[in-house]
């Protein structure tokens, strides 16, 4: 009979042969998930023989990961800003870059009364900001009803049901005239078709392409958001965007053309130009 350690080693070698990065970590996480154990608990059971029933739980997960299905989709969740978010193919996987945007926004904006999250996907940003500011009125928009259903499930699972209004909308289109927000955040599609094609098999093969890729070399949706945002911001309100790392010169021009002020290019944890901050005039 195979022990826990032996199946981890075999899985690691199999994943490495399939070209997966962090093969040992992936093996431990998948085996742990199948057995209902955390990694540290696995280490205490390395010499325990696995039953056939346990092996039957592990095998299909290993096959899925070997086909480059993202680990988060297989285990069904990811951590984000202290929240546990359900993950599946209805929306992009919430990434550390987006989590860092939430951290930057919380540091930059004192207690906004009304918040708008454009293209919410799994609800990551909207729920993170609702958690950070319990008194805020948060609205999350997405063109995908399936993504919004996932976001609502995540709100309920994290004790935030009723804290965020989820609305089907192509960017600002469903908002009533005169709607104004202290803070607008968005992680829109910003990759060109060529950039998407060059992403890992996990990304291009499994995550929703519509949430990744934009026309005009990745700028089309950012252009729409920046042009429309001033009409939905209160004076001095903040627009905070996650963007491509080679777009900031063009985005600075778009921000100026829209009449927004105080353009800031912020870097991500790898020191790449990743975020754009700008404010509505009149404050």
C-alpha atoms as a PDB file:
ATOM      1  CA  UNK A   1       0.000   0.000   0.000  1.00  0.00           C
ATOM      2  CA  UNK A   2       1.191   3.520  -0.805  1.00  0.00           C
ATOM      3  CA  UNK A   3       1.851   5.885   2.080  1.00  0.00           C
ATOM      4  CA  UNK A   4       0.936   9.560   2.146  1.00  0.00           C
ATOM      5  CA  UNK A   5       4.557  10.515   1.450  1.00  0.00           C
ATOM      6  CA  UNK A   6       4.882   8.053  -1.432  1.00  0.00           C
ATOM      7  CA  UNK A   7       1.775   9.368  -3.182  1.00  0.00           C
ATOM      8  CA  UNK A   8       3.001  12.955  -2.696  1.00  0.00           C
ATOM      9  CA  UNK A   9       6.370  12.039  -4.244  1.00  0.00           C
ATOM     10  CA  UNK A  10       4.763  10.214  -7.175  1.00  0.00           C
ATOM     11  CA  UNK A  11       2.358  13.095  -7.762  1.00  0.00           C
ATOM     12  CA  UNK A  12       5.209  15.601  -7.592  1.00  0.00           C
ATOM     13  CA  UNK A  13       7.188  13.701 -10.236  1.00  0.00           C
ATOM     14  CA  UNK A  14       4.088  13.397 -12.431  1.00  0.00           C
ATOM     15  CA  UNK A  15       3.355  17.116 -12.210  1.00  0.00           C
ATOM     16  CA  UNK A  16       6.982  18.018 -12.913  1.00  0.00           C
ATOM     17  CA  UNK A  17       6.832  15.869 -16.033  1.00  0.00           C
ATOM     18  CA  UNK A  18       3.770  17.828 -17.144  1.00  0.00           C
ATOM     19  CA  UNK A  19       5.651  21.115 -16.775  1.00  0.00           C
ATOM     20  CA  UNK A  20       3.746  22.387 -13.743  1.00  0.00           C
ATOM     21  CA  UNK A  21       5.490  24.969 -11.594  1.00  0.00           C
ATOM     22  CA  UNK A  22       5.778  24.290  -7.852  1.00  0.00           C
ATOM     23  CA  UNK A  23       5.057  20.607  -8.434  1.00  0.00           C
ATOM     24  CA  UNK A  24       5.637  19.539  -4.804  1.00  0.00           C
ATOM     25  CA  UNK A  25       3.432  22.314  -3.408  1.00  0.00           C
ATOM     26  CA  UNK A  26       0.663  21.437  -5.879  1.00  0.00           C
ATOM     27  CA  UNK A  27       0.925  17.775  -4.919  1.00  0.00           C
ATOM     28  CA  UNK A  28       0.714  18.492  -1.201  1.00  0.00           C
ATOM     29  CA  UNK A  29      -2.223  20.852  -1.582  1.00  0.00           C
ATOM     30  CA  UNK A  30      -4.197  18.466  -3.773  1.00  0.00           C
ATOM     31  CA  UNK A  31      -3.528  15.422  -1.603  1.00  0.00           C
ATOM     32  CA  UNK A  32      -4.384  17.432   1.480  1.00  0.00           C
ATOM     33  CA  UNK A  33      -7.598  18.672  -0.099  1.00  0.00           C
ATOM     34  CA  UNK A  34      -8.635  15.154  -1.093  1.00  0.00           C
ATOM     35  CA  UNK A  35      -7.947  13.833   2.409  1.00  0.00           C
ATOM     36  CA  UNK A  36      -9.394  16.817   4.250  1.00  0.00           C
ATOM     37  CA  UNK A  37      -6.017  17.678   5.774  1.00  0.00           C
ATOM     38  CA  UNK A  38      -3.965  20.848   5.984  1.00  0.00           C
ATOM     39  CA  UNK A  39      -0.352  20.634   4.823  1.00  0.00           C
ATOM     40  CA  UNK A  40       1.028  20.484   8.351  1.00  0.00           C
ATOM     41  CA  UNK A  41      -1.360  17.660   9.167  1.00  0.00           C
ATOM     42  CA  UNK A  42      -0.085  15.758   6.137  1.00  0.00           C
ATOM     43  CA  UNK A  43       3.460  15.978   7.448  1.00  0.00           C
ATOM     44  CA  UNK A  44       2.350  14.190  10.613  1.00  0.00           C
ATOM     45  CA  UNK A  45       0.883  11.362   8.518  1.00  0.00           C
ATOM     46  CA  UNK A  46       3.655  10.775   5.962  1.00  0.00           C
ATOM     47  CA  UNK A  47       4.062   7.107   6.891  1.00  0.00           C
ATOM     48  CA  UNK A  48       0.349   6.303   6.994  1.00  0.00           C
ATOM     49  CA  UNK A  49      -0.806   3.883   4.289  1.00  0.00           C
ATOM     50  CA  UNK A  50      -3.605   5.190   2.091  1.00  0.00           C
ATOM     51  CA  UNK A  51      -6.748   3.189   1.572  1.00  0.00           C
ATOM     52  CA  UNK A  52      -8.085   2.510  -1.900  1.00  0.00           C
ATOM     53  CA  UNK A  53     -11.028   4.788  -1.150  1.00  0.00           C
ATOM     54  CA  UNK A  54      -8.598   7.626  -0.352  1.00  0.00           C
ATOM     55  CA  UNK A  55      -6.616   7.005  -3.531  1.00  0.00           C
ATOM     56  CA  UNK A  56      -9.851   7.163  -5.523  1.00  0.00           C
ATOM     57  CA  UNK A  57     -10.435  10.668  -4.144  1.00  0.00           C
ATOM     58  CA  UNK A  58      -6.920  11.794  -5.090  1.00  0.00           C
ATOM     59  CA  UNK A  59      -6.659  10.410  -8.637  1.00  0.00           C
ATOM     60  CA  UNK A  60      -9.281  12.565 -10.422  1.00  0.00           C
ATOM     61  CA  UNK A  61      -7.877  15.735  -8.841  1.00  0.00           C
ATOM     62  CA  UNK A  62      -4.366  14.844 -10.003  1.00  0.00           C
ATOM     63  CA  UNK A  63      -5.642  14.198 -13.539  1.00  0.00           C
ATOM     64  CA  UNK A  64      -7.337  17.597 -13.631  1.00  0.00           C
ATOM     65  CA  UNK A  65      -4.234  19.438 -12.432  1.00  0.00           C
ATOM     66  CA  UNK A  66      -2.055  17.541 -14.908  1.00  0.00           C
ATOM     67  CA  UNK A  67      -4.252  19.019 -17.650  1.00  0.00           C
ATOM     68  CA  UNK A  68      -3.313  22.473 -16.273  1.00  0.00           C
ATOM     69  CA  UNK A  69      -6.681  23.223 -14.724  1.00  0.00           C
ATOM     70  CA  UNK A  70      -5.957  25.910 -12.106  1.00  0.00           C
ATOM     71  CA  UNK A  71      -5.441  24.606  -8.591  1.00  0.00           C
ATOM     72  CA  UNK A  72      -7.982  27.106  -7.251  1.00  0.00           C
ATOM     73  CA  UNK A  73     -10.716  25.750  -9.505  1.00  0.00           C
ATOM     74  CA  UNK A  74      -9.946  22.198  -8.412  1.00  0.00           C
ATOM     75  CA  UNK A  75      -9.974  22.893  -4.677  1.00  0.00           C
ATOM     76  CA  UNK A  76     -12.810  25.365  -5.240  1.00  0.00           C
ATOM     77  CA  UNK A  77     -11.560  28.344  -3.245  1.00  0.00           C
ATOM     78  CA  UNK A  78      -8.869  30.939  -2.684  1.00  0.00           C
ATOM     79  CA  UNK A  79      -7.924  33.390   0.061  1.00  0.00           C
ATOM     80  CA  UNK A  80      -8.366  37.108  -0.601  1.00  0.00           C
ATOM     81  CA  UNK A  81      -8.101  39.985   1.883  1.00  0.00           C
ATOM     82  CA  UNK A  82      -8.976  37.711   4.788  1.00  0.00           C
ATOM     83  CA  UNK A  83     -11.936  36.270   2.904  1.00  0.00           C
ATOM     84  CA  UNK A  84     -12.356  32.737   1.594  1.00  0.00           C
ATOM     85  CA  UNK A  85     -13.714  33.033  -1.941  1.00  0.00           C
ATOM     86  CA  UNK A  86     -15.334  30.255  -3.900  1.00  0.00           C
ATOM     87  CA  UNK A  87     -13.613  29.781  -7.284  1.00  0.00           C
ATOM     88  CA  UNK A  88     -14.970  28.256 -10.455  1.00  0.00           C
ATOM     89  CA  UNK A  89     -14.985  28.949 -14.182  1.00  0.00           C
ATOM     90  CA  UNK A  90     -17.713  31.598 -13.926  1.00  0.00           C
ATOM     91  CA  UNK A  91     -15.093  34.225 -13.041  1.00  0.00           C
ATOM     92  CA  UNK A  92     -11.384  34.978 -12.928  1.00  0.00           C
ATOM     93  CA  UNK A  93      -9.398  33.730  -9.962  1.00  0.00           C
ATOM     94  CA  UNK A  94      -8.749  36.613  -7.561  1.00  0.00           C
ATOM     95  CA  UNK A  95      -5.025  37.330  -7.671  1.00  0.00           C
ATOM     96  CA  UNK A  96      -2.466  38.907  -5.314  1.00  0.00           C
ATOM     97  CA  UNK A  97      -2.225  41.950  -7.632  1.00  0.00           C
ATOM     98  CA  UNK A  98      -5.917  42.654  -7.114  1.00  0.00           C
ATOM     99  CA  UNK A  99      -5.652  42.040  -3.375  1.00  0.00           C
ATOM    100  CA  UNK A 100      -2.859  44.624  -3.275  1.00  0.00           C
ATOM    101  CA  UNK A 101      -5.127  47.088  -5.107  1.00  0.00           C
ATOM    102  CA  UNK A 102      -7.654  46.661  -2.295  1.00  0.00           C
ATOM    103  CA  UNK A 103      -4.913  47.384   0.248  1.00  0.00           C
ATOM    104  CA  UNK A 104      -3.791  50.513  -1.617  1.00  0.00           C
ATOM    105  CA  UNK A 105      -7.350  51.800  -1.925  1.00  0.00           C
ATOM    106  CA  UNK A 106      -8.080  51.309   1.768  1.00  0.00           C
ATOM    107  CA  UNK A 107      -4.924  53.259   2.589  1.00  0.00           C
ATOM    108  CA  UNK A 108      -5.732  56.049   0.122  1.00  0.00           C
ATOM    109  CA  UNK A 109      -9.415  56.714   0.729  1.00  0.00           C
ATOM    110  CA  UNK A 110     -10.870  57.659   4.130  1.00  0.00           C
ATOM    111  CA  UNK A 111     -14.227  55.989   4.820  1.00  0.00           C
ATOM    112  CA  UNK A 112     -16.089  56.338   1.494  1.00  0.00           C
ATOM    113  CA  UNK A 113     -19.850  56.445   1.821  1.00  0.00           C
ATOM    114  CA  UNK A 114     -20.652  54.929  -1.575  1.00  0.00           C
ATOM    115  CA  UNK A 115     -18.451  52.468  -3.495  1.00  0.00           C
ATOM    116  CA  UNK A 116     -18.822  51.075  -7.012  1.00  0.00           C
ATOM    117  CA  UNK A 117     -16.966  47.969  -8.229  1.00  0.00           C
ATOM    118  CA  UNK A 118     -17.023  47.599 -12.006  1.00  0.00           C
ATOM    119  CA  UNK A 119     -16.671  44.092 -13.456  1.00  0.00           C
ATOM    120  CA  UNK A 120     -16.783  42.481 -10.041  1.00  0.00           C
ATOM    121  CA  UNK A 121     -16.340  38.864 -11.195  1.00  0.00           C
ATOM    122  CA  UNK A 122     -16.159  36.697  -8.074  1.00  0.00           C
ATOM    123  CA  UNK A 123     -16.913  39.784  -5.968  1.00  0.00           C
ATOM    124  CA  UNK A 124     -13.380  39.981  -4.587  1.00  0.00           C
ATOM    125  CA  UNK A 125     -12.903  43.757  -4.554  1.00  0.00           C
ATOM    126  CA  UNK A 126     -16.469  44.616  -3.582  1.00  0.00           C
ATOM    127  CA  UNK A 127     -16.449  42.179  -0.676  1.00  0.00           C
ATOM    128  CA  UNK A 128     -12.986  43.216   0.488  1.00  0.00           C
ATOM    129  CA  UNK A 129     -14.036  46.870   0.573  1.00  0.00           C
ATOM    130  CA  UNK A 130     -17.352  46.051   2.252  1.00  0.00           C
ATOM    131  CA  UNK A 131     -15.351  44.237   4.925  1.00  0.00           C
ATOM    132  CA  UNK A 132     -12.917  47.146   5.304  1.00  0.00           C
ATOM    133  CA  UNK A 133     -15.696  49.756   5.547  1.00  0.00           C
ATOM    134  CA  UNK A 134     -18.751  48.194   7.242  1.00  0.00           C
ATOM    135  CA  UNK A 135     -20.778  51.395   6.940  1.00  0.00           C
ATOM    136  CA  UNK A 136     -20.208  51.852   3.205  1.00  0.00           C
ATOM    137  CA  UNK A 137     -22.921  51.390   0.566  1.00  0.00           C
ATOM    138  CA  UNK A 138     -21.303  49.029  -1.981  1.00  0.00           C
ATOM    139  CA  UNK A 139     -22.590  48.267  -5.496  1.00  0.00           C
ATOM    140  CA  UNK A 140     -20.958  45.637  -7.721  1.00  0.00           C
ATOM    141  CA  UNK A 141     -21.629  45.470 -11.462  1.00  0.00           C
ATOM    142  CA  UNK A 142     -20.810  42.785 -14.011  1.00  0.00           C
ATOM    143  CA  UNK A 143     -22.036  42.001 -17.504  1.00  0.00           C
ATOM    144  CA  UNK A 144     -22.083  38.286 -16.607  1.00  0.00           C
ATOM    145  CA  UNK A 145     -25.070  37.069 -14.625  1.00  0.00           C
ATOM    146  CA  UNK A 146     -23.128  33.875 -13.885  1.00  0.00           C
ATOM    147  CA  UNK A 147     -20.260  35.833 -12.355  1.00  0.00           C
ATOM    148  CA  UNK A 148     -22.701  37.843 -10.238  1.00  0.00           C
ATOM    149  CA  UNK A 149     -24.273  34.619  -8.971  1.00  0.00           C
ATOM    150  CA  UNK A 150     -20.823  33.485  -7.848  1.00  0.00           C
ATOM    151  CA  UNK A 151     -20.195  36.865  -6.210  1.00  0.00           C
ATOM    152  CA  UNK A 152     -23.482  36.612  -4.316  1.00  0.00           C
ATOM    153  CA  UNK A 153     -22.514  33.122  -3.122  1.00  0.00           C
ATOM    154  CA  UNK A 154     -19.222  34.528  -1.871  1.00  0.00           C
ATOM    155  CA  UNK A 155     -21.003  37.356  -0.077  1.00  0.00           C
ATOM    156  CA  UNK A 156     -23.232  34.865   1.735  1.00  0.00           C
ATOM    157  CA  UNK A 157     -20.342  32.543   2.599  1.00  0.00           C
ATOM    158  CA  UNK A 158     -18.386  35.411   4.163  1.00  0.00           C
ATOM    159  CA  UNK A 159     -21.200  36.888   6.199  1.00  0.00           C
ATOM    160  CA  UNK A 160     -21.613  39.842   3.833  1.00  0.00           C
ATOM    161  CA  UNK A 161     -24.994  39.014   2.305  1.00  0.00           C
ATOM    162  CA  UNK A 162     -26.992  42.195   1.974  1.00  0.00           C
ATOM    163  CA  UNK A 163     -23.888  44.370   2.275  1.00  0.00           C
ATOM    164  CA  UNK A 164     -23.317  44.531  -1.491  1.00  0.00           C
ATOM    165  CA  UNK A 165     -25.864  45.153  -4.249  1.00  0.00           C
ATOM    166  CA  UNK A 166     -25.078  43.003  -7.293  1.00  0.00           C
ATOM    167  CA  UNK A 167     -26.354  44.357 -10.621  1.00  0.00           C
ATOM    168  CA  UNK A 168     -26.049  43.039 -14.176  1.00  0.00           C
ATOM    169  CA  UNK A 169     -24.538  45.910 -16.152  1.00  0.00           C
ATOM    170  CA  UNK A 170     -22.197  46.544 -19.064  1.00  0.00           C
ATOM    171  CA  UNK A 171     -19.930  48.896 -17.145  1.00  0.00           C
ATOM    172  CA  UNK A 172     -22.038  51.917 -16.082  1.00  0.00           C
ATOM    173  CA  UNK A 173     -25.034  51.244 -18.360  1.00  0.00           C
ATOM    174  CA  UNK A 174     -27.509  49.997 -15.726  1.00  0.00           C
ATOM    175  CA  UNK A 175     -26.869  52.773 -13.209  1.00  0.00           C
ATOM    176  CA  UNK A 176     -29.604  55.368 -12.706  1.00  0.00           C
ATOM    177  CA  UNK A 177     -28.793  58.846 -13.958  1.00  0.00           C
ATOM    178  CA  UNK A 178     -27.345  60.967 -11.210  1.00  0.00           C
ATOM    179  CA  UNK A 179     -25.681  58.080  -9.358  1.00  0.00           C
ATOM    180  CA  UNK A 180     -22.555  59.331  -7.607  1.00  0.00           C
ATOM    181  CA  UNK A 181     -19.819  57.470  -5.757  1.00  0.00           C
ATOM    182  CA  UNK A 182     -16.936  58.400  -3.495  1.00  0.00           C
ATOM    183  CA  UNK A 183     -14.891  55.501  -4.862  1.00  0.00           C
ATOM    184  CA  UNK A 184     -14.968  53.567  -8.134  1.00  0.00           C
ATOM    185  CA  UNK A 185     -12.715  50.526  -8.460  1.00  0.00           C
ATOM    186  CA  UNK A 186     -12.219  48.163 -11.374  1.00  0.00           C
ATOM    187  CA  UNK A 187     -10.052  45.282 -12.520  1.00  0.00           C
ATOM    188  CA  UNK A 188     -11.241  45.256 -16.134  1.00  0.00           C
ATOM    189  CA  UNK A 189      -9.938  43.186 -19.050  1.00  0.00           C
ATOM    190  CA  UNK A 190      -6.629  44.776 -20.054  1.00  0.00           C
ATOM    191  CA  UNK A 191      -4.674  42.160 -21.994  1.00  0.00           C
ATOM    192  CA  UNK A 192      -4.314  42.263 -25.755  1.00  0.00           C
ATOM    193  CA  UNK A 193      -5.254  39.137 -27.699  1.00  0.00           C
ATOM    194  CA  UNK A 194      -1.547  38.456 -28.194  1.00  0.00           C
ATOM    195  CA  UNK A 195      -0.839  38.793 -24.461  1.00  0.00           C
ATOM    196  CA  UNK A 196      -3.681  36.428 -23.607  1.00  0.00           C
ATOM    197  CA  UNK A 197      -2.355  33.876 -26.088  1.00  0.00           C
ATOM    198  CA  UNK A 198       1.020  34.037 -24.339  1.00  0.00           C
ATOM    199  CA  UNK A 199      -0.359  33.390 -20.839  1.00  0.00           C
ATOM    200  CA  UNK A 200       0.018  30.053 -19.074  1.00  0.00           C
ATOM    201  CA  UNK A 201      -2.216  27.118 -20.080  1.00  0.00           C
ATOM    202  CA  UNK A 202      -4.024  27.556 -16.755  1.00  0.00           C
ATOM    203  CA  UNK A 203      -5.100  31.069 -17.736  1.00  0.00           C
ATOM    204  CA  UNK A 204      -5.783  30.821 -21.451  1.00  0.00           C
ATOM    205  CA  UNK A 205      -7.340  27.364 -21.245  1.00  0.00           C
ATOM    206  CA  UNK A 206      -9.667  27.766 -18.280  1.00  0.00           C
ATOM    207  CA  UNK A 207     -10.346  31.329 -17.144  1.00  0.00           C
ATOM    208  CA  UNK A 208     -13.075  33.335 -18.936  1.00  0.00           C
ATOM    209  CA  UNK A 209     -11.510  35.066 -21.942  1.00  0.00           C
ATOM    210  CA  UNK A 210     -13.994  37.943 -21.814  1.00  0.00           C
ATOM    211  CA  UNK A 211     -12.638  38.917 -18.390  1.00  0.00           C
ATOM    212  CA  UNK A 212      -9.038  38.898 -19.634  1.00  0.00           C
ATOM    213  CA  UNK A 213      -8.886  40.383 -23.110  1.00  0.00           C
ATOM    214  CA  UNK A 214      -9.898  43.787 -24.461  1.00  0.00           C
ATOM    215  CA  UNK A 215      -9.773  45.245 -27.948  1.00  0.00           C
ATOM    216  CA  UNK A 216      -7.451  48.088 -28.953  1.00  0.00           C
ATOM    217  CA  UNK A 217      -4.412  46.320 -27.566  1.00  0.00           C
ATOM    218  CA  UNK A 218      -6.070  45.837 -24.189  1.00  0.00           C
ATOM    219  CA  UNK A 219      -7.193  49.464 -23.785  1.00  0.00           C
ATOM    220  CA  UNK A 220     -10.810  49.390 -24.969  1.00  0.00           C
ATOM    221  CA  UNK A 221     -12.512  48.792 -21.627  1.00  0.00           C
ATOM    222  CA  UNK A 222     -10.133  51.020 -19.682  1.00  0.00           C
ATOM    223  CA  UNK A 223     -10.897  53.780 -22.202  1.00  0.00           C
ATOM    224  CA  UNK A 224     -14.658  53.384 -21.640  1.00  0.00           C
ATOM    225  CA  UNK A 225     -14.337  53.389 -17.861  1.00  0.00           C
ATOM    226  CA  UNK A 226     -12.071  56.440 -17.702  1.00  0.00           C
ATOM    227  CA  UNK A 227     -14.235  58.444 -20.113  1.00  0.00           C
ATOM    228  CA  UNK A 228     -17.462  57.717 -18.214  1.00  0.00           C
ATOM    229  CA  UNK A 229     -16.191  57.782 -14.621  1.00  0.00           C
ATOM    230  CA  UNK A 230     -16.294  61.572 -14.014  1.00  0.00           C
ATOM    231  CA  UNK A 231     -20.067  61.601 -14.392  1.00  0.00           C
ATOM    232  CA  UNK A 232     -20.388  59.043 -11.580  1.00  0.00           C
ATOM    233  CA  UNK A 233     -17.859  60.435  -9.082  1.00  0.00           C
ATOM    234  CA  UNK A 234     -18.522  63.011  -6.404  1.00  0.00           C
ATOM    235  CA  UNK A 235     -16.095  65.967  -6.416  1.00  0.00           C
ATOM    236  CA  UNK A 236     -12.751  64.616  -5.241  1.00  0.00           C
ATOM    237  CA  UNK A 237     -13.944  61.017  -5.665  1.00  0.00           C
ATOM    238  CA  UNK A 238     -11.332  58.379  -6.436  1.00  0.00           C
ATOM    239  CA  UNK A 239     -11.090  56.164  -9.514  1.00  0.00           C
ATOM    240  CA  UNK A 240      -8.735  53.214  -8.877  1.00  0.00           C
ATOM    241  CA  UNK A 241      -7.910  50.780 -11.685  1.00  0.00           C
ATOM    242  CA  UNK A 242      -5.826  47.667 -12.154  1.00  0.00           C
ATOM    243  CA  UNK A 243      -4.170  47.885 -15.577  1.00  0.00           C
ATOM    244  CA  UNK A 244      -1.550  46.449 -17.885  1.00  0.00           C
ATOM    245  CA  UNK A 245       2.050  47.262 -17.040  1.00  0.00           C
ATOM    246  CA  UNK A 246       2.846  48.950 -20.363  1.00  0.00           C
ATOM    247  CA  UNK A 247      -0.247  51.150 -20.643  1.00  0.00           C
ATOM    248  CA  UNK A 248       0.354  54.021 -18.234  1.00  0.00           C
ATOM    249  CA  UNK A 249       1.586  56.640 -20.692  1.00  0.00           C
ATOM    250  CA  UNK A 250      -1.595  56.186 -22.735  1.00  0.00           C
ATOM    251  CA  UNK A 251      -3.761  55.995 -19.630  1.00  0.00           C
ATOM    252  CA  UNK A 252      -2.361  59.291 -18.353  1.00  0.00           C
ATOM    253  CA  UNK A 253      -3.540  60.910 -21.579  1.00  0.00           C
ATOM    254  CA  UNK A 254      -6.992  59.328 -21.268  1.00  0.00           C
ATOM    255  CA  UNK A 255      -7.298  60.497 -17.655  1.00  0.00           C
ATOM    256  CA  UNK A 256      -6.410  64.069 -18.641  1.00  0.00           C
ATOM    257  CA  UNK A 257      -8.819  64.017 -21.587  1.00  0.00           C
ATOM    258  CA  UNK A 258     -11.641  62.877 -19.290  1.00  0.00           C
ATOM    259  CA  UNK A 259     -11.024  65.822 -16.965  1.00  0.00           C
ATOM    260  CA  UNK A 260      -9.852  63.695 -14.061  1.00  0.00           C
ATOM    261  CA  UNK A 261      -7.086  65.084 -11.873  1.00  0.00           C
ATOM    262  CA  UNK A 262      -4.104  63.977  -9.768  1.00  0.00           C
ATOM    263  CA  UNK A 263      -3.106  61.026 -11.965  1.00  0.00           C
ATOM    264  CA  UNK A 264      -0.981  58.540 -10.044  1.00  0.00           C
ATOM    265  CA  UNK A 265       0.792  55.475 -11.402  1.00  0.00           C
ATOM    266  CA  UNK A 266       1.192  52.920  -8.606  1.00  0.00           C
ATOM    267  CA  UNK A 267       3.398  49.833  -8.734  1.00  0.00           C
ATOM    268  CA  UNK A 268       2.538  46.281  -7.736  1.00  0.00           C
ATOM    269  CA  UNK A 269       4.599  44.111  -5.395  1.00  0.00           C
ATOM    270  CA  UNK A 270       7.001  43.343  -8.253  1.00  0.00           C
ATOM    271  CA  UNK A 271       7.520  47.112  -8.803  1.00  0.00           C
ATOM    272  CA  UNK A 272       5.681  47.120 -12.143  1.00  0.00           C
ATOM    273  CA  UNK A 273       3.301  49.937 -13.123  1.00  0.00           C
ATOM    274  CA  UNK A 274       0.025  48.174 -12.347  1.00  0.00           C
ATOM    275  CA  UNK A 275      -2.499  50.634 -10.912  1.00  0.00           C
ATOM    276  CA  UNK A 276      -3.906  54.002 -11.927  1.00  0.00           C
ATOM    277  CA  UNK A 277      -5.396  56.382  -9.385  1.00  0.00           C
ATOM    278  CA  UNK A 278      -7.160  59.612 -10.403  1.00  0.00           C
ATOM    279  CA  UNK A 279      -9.685  61.925  -8.815  1.00  0.00           C
ATOM    280  CA  UNK A 280     -12.687  63.899  -9.986  1.00  0.00           C
ATOM    281  CA  UNK A 281     -12.221  67.650  -9.970  1.00  0.00           C
ATOM    282  CA  UNK A 282     -14.173  70.101  -7.910  1.00  0.00           C
ATOM    283  CA  UNK A 283     -13.060  69.060  -4.434  1.00  0.00           C
END
